[in-house]
Protein backbone atom coordinates (compact mmCIF):
# COMPACT_ATOMS: atom_id res chain seq x y z
CA UNK A 1 -121.40 4.94 -102.29
CA UNK A 2 -119.53 3.00 -100.06
CA UNK A 3 -120.47 5.02 -96.79
CA UNK A 4 -123.97 4.46 -97.59
CA UNK A 5 -123.51 0.98 -98.12
CA UNK A 6 -121.41 0.72 -94.85
CA UNK A 7 -124.25 2.57 -92.81
CA UNK A 8 -127.03 0.11 -94.31
CA UNK A 9 -125.16 -2.89 -93.44
CA UNK A 10 -124.63 -1.75 -89.79
CA UNK A 11 -128.33 -0.76 -89.91
CA UNK A 12 -129.25 -4.54 -91.03
CA UNK A 13 -127.06 -6.02 -88.57
CA UNK A 14 -128.62 -4.15 -85.87
CA UNK A 15 -132.09 -4.82 -86.77
CA UNK A 16 -131.19 -8.85 -86.97
CA UNK A 17 -129.24 -8.83 -83.95
CA UNK A 18 -132.46 -7.16 -82.11
CA UNK A 19 -134.91 -9.45 -83.58
CA UNK A 20 -133.19 -12.67 -82.41
CA UNK A 21 -134.92 -14.44 -79.55
CA UNK A 22 -134.05 -13.91 -76.01
CA UNK A 23 -132.33 -17.01 -75.46
CA UNK A 24 -130.07 -16.84 -78.61
CA UNK A 25 -129.32 -12.83 -77.36
CA UNK A 26 -128.37 -14.37 -73.81
CA UNK A 27 -126.10 -17.14 -75.27
CA UNK A 28 -124.36 -14.19 -77.47
CA UNK A 29 -123.94 -12.19 -74.53
CA UNK A 30 -122.42 -14.98 -72.33
CA UNK A 31 -120.04 -16.01 -75.24
CA UNK A 32 -119.03 -12.33 -75.84
CA UNK A 33 -118.40 -12.06 -71.81
CA UNK A 34 -116.14 -15.02 -71.91
CA UNK A 35 -114.18 -13.77 -74.80
CA UNK A 36 -113.77 -10.25 -73.03
CA UNK A 37 -112.65 -11.78 -69.90
CA UNK A 38 -110.10 -13.96 -71.58
CA UNK A 39 -108.88 -11.26 -73.40
CA UNK A 40 -108.51 -8.94 -70.21
CA UNK A 41 -106.68 -12.02 -68.48
CA UNK A 42 -104.26 -11.88 -71.39
CA UNK A 43 -103.42 -8.33 -71.29
CA UNK A 44 -103.02 -8.56 -67.65
CA UNK A 45 -100.47 -11.43 -67.71
CA UNK A 46 -98.70 -9.80 -70.25
CA UNK A 47 -98.58 -6.33 -68.46
CA UNK A 48 -97.37 -8.48 -65.28
CA UNK A 49 -94.74 -10.30 -67.37
CA UNK A 50 -93.25 -6.75 -68.74
CA UNK A 51 -93.63 -5.24 -65.26
CA UNK A 52 -91.69 -8.12 -63.69
CA UNK A 53 -88.84 -8.07 -66.63
CA UNK A 54 -88.32 -4.39 -65.95
CA UNK A 55 -88.29 -4.64 -62.24
CA UNK A 56 -85.94 -7.80 -62.15
CA UNK A 57 -82.48 -5.96 -63.14
CA UNK A 58 -83.06 -3.67 -60.63
CA UNK A 59 -83.29 -6.14 -57.72
CA UNK A 60 -80.50 -8.83 -59.09
CA UNK A 61 -77.11 -7.45 -57.89
CA UNK A 62 -74.34 -7.61 -60.55
CA UNK A 63 -71.33 -10.11 -59.82
CA UNK A 64 -68.00 -9.05 -60.84
CA UNK A 65 -65.29 -11.37 -61.29
CA UNK A 66 -61.94 -9.68 -61.11
CA UNK A 67 -59.21 -11.10 -63.23
CA UNK A 68 -55.46 -11.13 -61.92
CA UNK A 69 -52.91 -8.50 -62.95
CA UNK A 70 -50.58 -9.58 -65.62
CA UNK A 71 -47.35 -8.04 -65.90
């Protein structure tokens, strides 16, 4: 029963979206594109931050501070 209900809902939503006027479909497409671009930009920024963090220790030189001997 749940699978049949799920399929029926998908078909209903598909029919409703396809019956919308062209200007409304255009507005929905534009909104969807903006959301997709924003999410892609966030993923790219996160990837760049991870890449920079992984590369930072390799390029930074470690500074050693020698302590004097104690007798």
